[in-house]
Structures are given as C-alpha cells and as structure tokens.
C-alpha cells in the first residue's frame, strides 16, 4: 500500500512538473512576444492585453508550484509514516478524500473548519 501511494504521488508530481514546464514556456513566449512588438497592448481594443496574459499564466505557475510543494510534503509524510493522518485532529483522513486529493493534510471535518488547510 505504501509503495502504491508513493508511486501515485510521484506520478502526480511528475505531471505537475510537466505542467509547470509548459506554463513556463508559455510565459516566456508571451514575454518574448511583447518585446517584439510596438503595440500599445494597454489600450488595444482587440482582445486581451499581454500584461493580462502574463498575469494569468503567472497565477497558474504559482498554483502549480504550490501543488508540487504540497505533493513533496505528502511524500515526506509517507516516509515519516504519517501520510493519511489529519494534521489537525490526528484522525484518519479517509481513502475517498485521499483519492480525490492525494496531498490532503486534513480530514474533511477539519478542512471545513480551517479552509486554509487542505
């Protein structure tokens, strides 16, 4: 069971890192495109601005980096034999919740009371 959890988290981490690489490439492309144009994207009535696109991609990059950090923390909990134990109340997180959110730190009850914790 522990090996299966470890493999699942490793796969999740790998997928998140691939997404991060893709987003970083997208971000770099948007920045490069903005350097190659004289367009006043701040006042262009057509479509979104380059600044908006940069902001959107930047937000996604931050989300994926946070997810990778959460998966890394979950892998640390696997090694410490505390994976699946709620960090707030100490109870079992439950298989359905861990299936839905493999990096969950809290049980569903504690997650409802402390929304900042997952």
N, C-alpha and C. Protein backbone atom coordinates (compact mmCIF):
# COMPACT_ATOMS: atom_id res chain seq x y z
N UNK A 1 0.82 -1.19 0.00
CA UNK A 1 0.00 0.00 0.00
C UNK A 1 0.86 1.26 0.00
N UNK A 2 1.90 1.30 0.82
CA UNK A 2 2.77 2.48 0.90
C UNK A 2 3.47 2.71 -0.43
N UNK A 3 3.91 1.64 -1.06
CA UNK A 3 4.56 1.79 -2.37
C UNK A 3 3.59 2.32 -3.42
N UNK A 4 2.34 1.88 -3.34
CA UNK A 4 1.32 2.35 -4.28
C UNK A 4 1.07 3.86 -4.07
N UNK A 5 0.98 4.28 -2.82
CA UNK A 5 0.79 5.70 -2.51
C UNK A 5 1.99 6.51 -3.00
N UNK A 6 3.17 6.01 -2.72
CA UNK A 6 4.40 6.69 -3.14
C UNK A 6 4.44 6.84 -4.66
N UNK A 7 4.08 5.76 -5.38
CA UNK A 7 4.07 5.81 -6.85
C UNK A 7 3.04 6.81 -7.36
N UNK A 8 1.85 6.80 -6.75
CA UNK A 8 0.80 7.74 -7.16
C UNK A 8 1.21 9.19 -6.94
N UNK A 9 1.83 9.47 -5.80
CA UNK A 9 2.30 10.83 -5.53
C UNK A 9 3.44 11.22 -6.47
N UNK A 10 4.32 10.27 -6.75
CA UNK A 10 5.43 10.56 -7.67
C UNK A 10 4.90 10.87 -9.06
N UNK A 11 3.88 10.14 -9.50
CA UNK A 11 3.26 10.40 -10.80
C UNK A 11 2.59 11.78 -10.80
N UNK A 12 1.89 12.08 -9.73
CA UNK A 12 1.24 13.39 -9.61
C UNK A 12 2.29 14.51 -9.67
N UNK A 13 3.41 14.30 -9.01
CA UNK A 13 4.49 15.30 -9.01
C UNK A 13 5.06 15.46 -10.42
N UNK A 14 5.28 14.34 -11.08
CA UNK A 14 5.81 14.36 -12.45
C UNK A 14 4.87 15.12 -13.40
N UNK A 15 3.58 14.87 -13.28
CA UNK A 15 2.60 15.55 -14.12
C UNK A 15 2.57 17.05 -13.82
N UNK A 16 2.66 17.41 -12.54
CA UNK A 16 2.66 18.82 -12.17
C UNK A 16 3.91 19.51 -12.69
N UNK A 17 5.05 18.84 -12.62
CA UNK A 17 6.29 19.44 -13.14
C UNK A 17 6.23 19.62 -14.66
N UNK A 18 5.59 18.68 -15.35
CA UNK A 18 5.42 18.82 -16.80
C UNK A 18 4.51 20.02 -17.10
N UNK A 19 3.46 20.17 -16.32
CA UNK A 19 2.56 21.32 -16.48
C UNK A 19 3.30 22.62 -16.20
N UNK A 20 4.14 22.61 -15.18
CA UNK A 20 4.93 23.79 -14.83
C UNK A 20 5.88 24.16 -15.96
N UNK A 21 6.52 23.17 -16.55
CA UNK A 21 7.42 23.42 -17.68
C UNK A 21 6.67 24.02 -18.85
N UNK A 22 5.49 23.51 -19.12
CA UNK A 22 4.67 24.02 -20.21
C UNK A 22 4.25 25.47 -19.94
N UNK A 23 3.80 25.74 -18.72
CA UNK A 23 3.38 27.10 -18.37
C UNK A 23 4.55 28.07 -18.42
N UNK A 24 5.70 27.62 -17.98
CA UNK A 24 6.89 28.48 -18.01
C UNK A 24 7.25 28.81 -19.45
N UNK A 25 7.12 27.83 -20.34
CA UNK A 25 7.36 28.07 -21.77
C UNK A 25 6.34 29.05 -22.33
N UNK A 26 5.07 28.91 -21.93
CA UNK A 26 4.04 29.84 -22.36
C UNK A 26 4.34 31.25 -21.88
N UNK A 27 4.75 31.36 -20.63
CA UNK A 27 5.07 32.66 -20.05
C UNK A 27 6.23 33.31 -20.81
N UNK A 28 7.26 32.52 -21.05
CA UNK A 28 8.42 33.05 -21.79
C UNK A 28 8.02 33.50 -23.19
N UNK A 29 7.12 32.77 -23.82
CA UNK A 29 6.66 33.14 -25.17
C UNK A 29 5.88 34.45 -25.15
N UNK A 30 5.05 34.64 -24.13
CA UNK A 30 4.29 35.89 -24.02
C UNK A 30 5.24 37.06 -23.80
N UNK A 31 6.22 36.88 -22.94
CA UNK A 31 7.20 37.94 -22.68
C UNK A 31 7.98 38.24 -23.95
N UNK A 32 8.42 37.21 -24.65
CA UNK A 32 9.18 37.41 -25.89
C UNK A 32 8.32 38.12 -26.93
N UNK A 33 7.06 37.77 -27.02
CA UNK A 33 6.17 38.41 -27.99
C UNK A 33 6.00 39.89 -27.67
N UNK A 34 5.97 40.22 -26.41
CA UNK A 34 5.80 41.62 -26.04
C UNK A 34 7.04 42.44 -26.35
N UNK A 35 8.19 41.80 -26.41
CA UNK A 35 9.43 42.51 -26.73
C UNK A 35 9.54 42.78 -28.22
N UNK A 36 8.88 41.97 -29.02
CA UNK A 36 8.99 42.07 -30.48
C UNK A 36 7.94 42.98 -31.11
N UNK A 37 7.18 43.67 -30.31
CA UNK A 37 6.11 44.48 -30.87
C UNK A 37 6.11 45.88 -30.28
N UNK A 38 5.64 46.82 -31.07
CA UNK A 38 5.48 48.19 -30.59
C UNK A 38 4.04 48.45 -30.17
N UNK A 39 3.22 47.45 -30.24
CA UNK A 39 1.80 47.61 -29.95
C UNK A 39 1.61 48.12 -28.53
N UNK A 40 0.66 49.00 -28.41
CA UNK A 40 0.28 49.53 -27.11
C UNK A 40 -0.80 48.61 -26.56
N UNK A 41 -0.37 47.51 -25.97
CA UNK A 41 -1.33 46.50 -25.53
C UNK A 41 -2.21 47.00 -24.39
N UNK A 42 -1.81 48.03 -23.71
CA UNK A 42 -2.62 48.57 -22.63
C UNK A 42 -3.91 49.20 -23.14
N UNK A 43 -3.87 49.68 -24.40
CA UNK A 43 -5.03 50.39 -24.94
C UNK A 43 -5.60 49.75 -26.21
N UNK A 44 -5.16 48.56 -26.50
CA UNK A 44 -5.65 47.86 -27.69
C UNK A 44 -7.07 47.37 -27.44
N UNK A 45 -8.04 47.84 -28.23
CA UNK A 45 -9.42 47.42 -28.00
C UNK A 45 -9.69 45.98 -28.41
N UNK A 46 -8.76 45.33 -29.07
CA UNK A 46 -8.94 43.97 -29.55
C UNK A 46 -8.33 42.97 -28.58
N UNK A 47 -9.13 42.11 -28.04
CA UNK A 47 -8.62 41.01 -27.24
C UNK A 47 -8.00 41.42 -25.91
N UNK A 48 -7.31 40.45 -25.31
CA UNK A 48 -6.70 40.66 -24.01
C UNK A 48 -5.34 41.32 -24.17
N UNK A 49 -4.88 41.93 -23.12
CA UNK A 49 -3.57 42.56 -23.16
C UNK A 49 -2.49 41.54 -22.83
N UNK A 50 -1.29 41.86 -23.25
CA UNK A 50 -0.16 40.99 -22.94
C UNK A 50 0.05 40.94 -21.43
N UNK A 51 -0.14 42.09 -20.78
CA UNK A 51 0.01 42.12 -19.32
C UNK A 51 -1.00 41.18 -18.65
N UNK A 52 -2.22 41.15 -19.17
CA UNK A 52 -3.25 40.26 -18.61
C UNK A 52 -2.84 38.80 -18.80
N UNK A 53 -2.38 38.47 -20.00
CA UNK A 53 -1.94 37.09 -20.26
C UNK A 53 -0.80 36.70 -19.34
N UNK A 54 0.16 37.61 -19.18
CA UNK A 54 1.29 37.36 -18.30
C UNK A 54 0.80 37.12 -16.87
N UNK A 55 -0.14 37.91 -16.44
CA UNK A 55 -0.69 37.78 -15.10
C UNK A 55 -1.40 36.44 -14.92
N UNK A 56 -2.19 36.04 -15.90
CA UNK A 56 -2.92 34.77 -15.83
C UNK A 56 -1.96 33.59 -15.77
N UNK A 57 -0.97 33.59 -16.63
CA UNK A 57 -0.01 32.48 -16.65
C UNK A 57 0.80 32.48 -15.36
N UNK A 58 1.16 33.67 -14.88
CA UNK A 58 1.90 33.76 -13.62
C UNK A 58 1.12 33.17 -12.46
N UNK A 59 -0.19 33.42 -12.42
CA UNK A 59 -1.04 32.85 -11.36
C UNK A 59 -1.08 31.33 -11.46
N UNK A 60 -1.18 30.80 -12.67
CA UNK A 60 -1.18 29.35 -12.85
C UNK A 60 0.16 28.75 -12.43
N UNK A 61 1.24 29.42 -12.75
CA UNK A 61 2.58 28.94 -12.35
C UNK A 61 2.65 28.86 -10.82
N UNK A 62 2.17 29.89 -10.13
CA UNK A 62 2.19 29.88 -8.66
C UNK A 62 1.35 28.73 -8.11
N UNK A 63 0.19 28.48 -8.71
CA UNK A 63 -0.66 27.37 -8.25
C UNK A 63 0.02 26.03 -8.42
N UNK A 64 0.65 25.83 -9.57
CA UNK A 64 1.32 24.54 -9.82
C UNK A 64 2.51 24.38 -8.89
N UNK A 65 3.27 25.45 -8.67
CA UNK A 65 4.41 25.36 -7.73
C UNK A 65 3.92 25.01 -6.33
N UNK A 66 2.81 25.60 -5.92
CA UNK A 66 2.24 25.28 -4.60
C UNK A 66 1.83 23.81 -4.55
N UNK A 67 1.22 23.33 -5.63
CA UNK A 67 0.80 21.93 -5.68
C UNK A 67 2.00 20.99 -5.59
N UNK A 68 3.08 21.32 -6.29
CA UNK A 68 4.30 20.50 -6.22
C UNK A 68 4.81 20.48 -4.78
N UNK A 69 4.80 21.62 -4.11
CA UNK A 69 5.25 21.68 -2.72
C UNK A 69 4.35 20.81 -1.83
N UNK A 70 3.05 20.83 -2.08
CA UNK A 70 2.12 20.00 -1.30
C UNK A 70 2.37 18.51 -1.55
N UNK A 71 2.63 18.15 -2.79
CA UNK A 71 2.92 16.74 -3.11
C UNK A 71 4.24 16.33 -2.45
N UNK A 72 5.24 17.21 -2.48
CA UNK A 72 6.51 16.91 -1.81
C UNK A 72 6.30 16.70 -0.31
N UNK A 73 5.45 17.54 0.30
CA UNK A 73 5.15 17.39 1.72
C UNK A 73 4.43 16.06 1.97
N UNK A 74 3.54 15.67 1.06
CA UNK A 74 2.85 14.39 1.19
C UNK A 74 3.84 13.23 1.10
N UNK A 75 4.80 13.34 0.19
CA UNK A 75 5.84 12.30 0.09
C UNK A 75 6.66 12.23 1.39
N UNK A 76 6.93 13.38 1.98
CA UNK A 76 7.63 13.40 3.28
C UNK A 76 6.79 12.70 4.35
N UNK A 77 5.46 12.91 4.31
CA UNK A 77 4.59 12.25 5.28
C UNK A 77 4.57 10.74 5.06
N UNK A 78 4.65 10.32 3.80
CA UNK A 78 4.73 8.88 3.52
C UNK A 78 5.97 8.30 4.19
N UNK A 79 7.10 8.97 4.00
CA UNK A 79 8.36 8.49 4.59
C UNK A 79 8.32 8.49 6.12
N UNK A 80 7.61 9.47 6.69
CA UNK A 80 7.52 9.57 8.15
C UNK A 80 6.40 8.71 8.73
N UNK A 81 5.70 7.98 7.86
CA UNK A 81 4.58 7.12 8.26
C UNK A 81 3.45 7.92 8.89
N UNK A 82 3.25 9.16 8.44
CA UNK A 82 2.13 9.98 8.93
C UNK A 82 1.17 10.33 7.80
N UNK A 83 1.39 9.78 6.62
CA UNK A 83 0.50 10.05 5.50
C UNK A 83 -0.87 9.48 5.81
N UNK A 84 -1.90 10.27 5.53
CA UNK A 84 -3.26 9.82 5.77
C UNK A 84 -3.77 10.15 7.16
N UNK A 85 -2.94 10.82 7.96
CA UNK A 85 -3.34 11.22 9.31
C UNK A 85 -3.56 12.73 9.30
N UNK A 86 -4.71 13.17 9.77
CA UNK A 86 -5.04 14.60 9.80
C UNK A 86 -4.05 15.36 10.67
N UNK A 87 -3.51 16.45 10.13
CA UNK A 87 -2.53 17.25 10.87
C UNK A 87 -3.18 18.08 11.98
N UNK A 88 -4.51 18.18 11.97
CA UNK A 88 -5.20 18.99 12.98
C UNK A 88 -5.70 18.12 14.14
N UNK A 89 -6.47 17.08 13.81
CA UNK A 89 -7.10 16.28 14.87
C UNK A 89 -6.43 14.93 15.10
N UNK A 90 -5.58 14.51 14.17
CA UNK A 90 -4.89 13.23 14.32
C UNK A 90 -5.68 12.01 13.88
N UNK A 91 -6.87 12.24 13.36
CA UNK A 91 -7.69 11.12 12.88
C UNK A 91 -7.31 10.75 11.45
N UNK A 92 -7.84 9.62 11.01
CA UNK A 92 -7.62 9.14 9.65
C UNK A 92 -8.28 10.10 8.65
N UNK A 93 -7.58 10.46 7.60
CA UNK A 93 -8.14 11.35 6.59
C UNK A 93 -9.22 10.64 5.78
N UNK A 94 -9.02 9.40 5.49
CA UNK A 94 -10.02 8.63 4.75
C UNK A 94 -9.62 8.45 3.29
N UNK A 95 -9.79 7.22 2.82
CA UNK A 95 -9.39 6.87 1.45
C UNK A 95 -10.10 7.70 0.38
N UNK A 96 -11.41 7.95 0.48
CA UNK A 96 -12.06 8.74 -0.57
C UNK A 96 -11.46 10.14 -0.72
N UNK A 97 -11.16 10.78 0.42
CA UNK A 97 -10.56 12.12 0.36
C UNK A 97 -9.16 12.06 -0.23
N UNK A 98 -8.39 11.06 0.15
CA UNK A 98 -7.02 10.93 -0.37
C UNK A 98 -7.03 10.56 -1.85
N UNK A 99 -8.06 9.86 -2.30
CA UNK A 99 -8.18 9.59 -3.74
C UNK A 99 -8.42 10.88 -4.50
N UNK A 100 -9.29 11.72 -3.95
CA UNK A 100 -9.62 12.99 -4.61
C UNK A 100 -8.49 14.00 -4.48
N UNK A 101 -7.85 14.05 -3.32
CA UNK A 101 -6.76 14.99 -3.04
C UNK A 101 -5.60 14.23 -2.41
N UNK A 102 -4.76 13.61 -3.20
CA UNK A 102 -3.70 12.78 -2.65
C UNK A 102 -2.75 13.50 -1.69
N UNK A 103 -2.64 14.81 -1.80
CA UNK A 103 -1.75 15.56 -0.92
C UNK A 103 -2.48 16.17 0.28
N UNK A 104 -3.72 15.73 0.53
CA UNK A 104 -4.52 16.29 1.62
C UNK A 104 -3.78 16.15 2.95
N UNK A 105 -3.84 17.24 3.73
CA UNK A 105 -3.21 17.26 5.05
C UNK A 105 -4.21 17.04 6.17
N UNK A 106 -5.49 17.27 5.85
CA UNK A 106 -6.52 17.22 6.89
C UNK A 106 -7.69 16.34 6.48
N UNK A 107 -8.42 15.90 7.48
CA UNK A 107 -9.66 15.18 7.21
C UNK A 107 -10.70 16.18 6.73
N UNK A 108 -11.79 15.70 6.21
CA UNK A 108 -12.82 16.57 5.64
C UNK A 108 -13.42 17.49 6.72
N UNK A 109 -13.58 16.98 7.93
CA UNK A 109 -14.15 17.79 9.01
C UNK A 109 -13.24 18.98 9.34
N UNK A 110 -11.96 18.73 9.50
CA UNK A 110 -11.02 19.80 9.83
C UNK A 110 -10.81 20.75 8.65
N UNK A 111 -10.88 20.23 7.44
CA UNK A 111 -10.75 21.09 6.25
C UNK A 111 -11.90 22.08 6.19
N UNK A 112 -13.08 21.67 6.64
CA UNK A 112 -14.23 22.56 6.66
C UNK A 112 -14.10 23.65 7.70
N UNK A 113 -13.40 23.36 8.78
CA UNK A 113 -13.21 24.34 9.85
C UNK A 113 -12.05 25.28 9.59
N UNK A 114 -11.06 24.80 8.86
CA UNK A 114 -9.87 25.61 8.57
C UNK A 114 -9.62 25.57 7.06
N UNK A 115 -10.35 26.40 6.28
CA UNK A 115 -10.27 26.32 4.83
C UNK A 115 -8.86 26.54 4.25
N UNK A 116 -7.98 27.16 5.00
CA UNK A 116 -6.61 27.37 4.51
C UNK A 116 -5.82 26.08 4.47
N UNK A 117 -6.25 25.11 5.22
CA UNK A 117 -5.60 23.78 5.22
C UNK A 117 -6.38 22.87 4.32
N UNK A 118 -5.69 22.02 3.59
CA UNK A 118 -6.37 21.07 2.72
C UNK A 118 -6.08 19.72 3.28
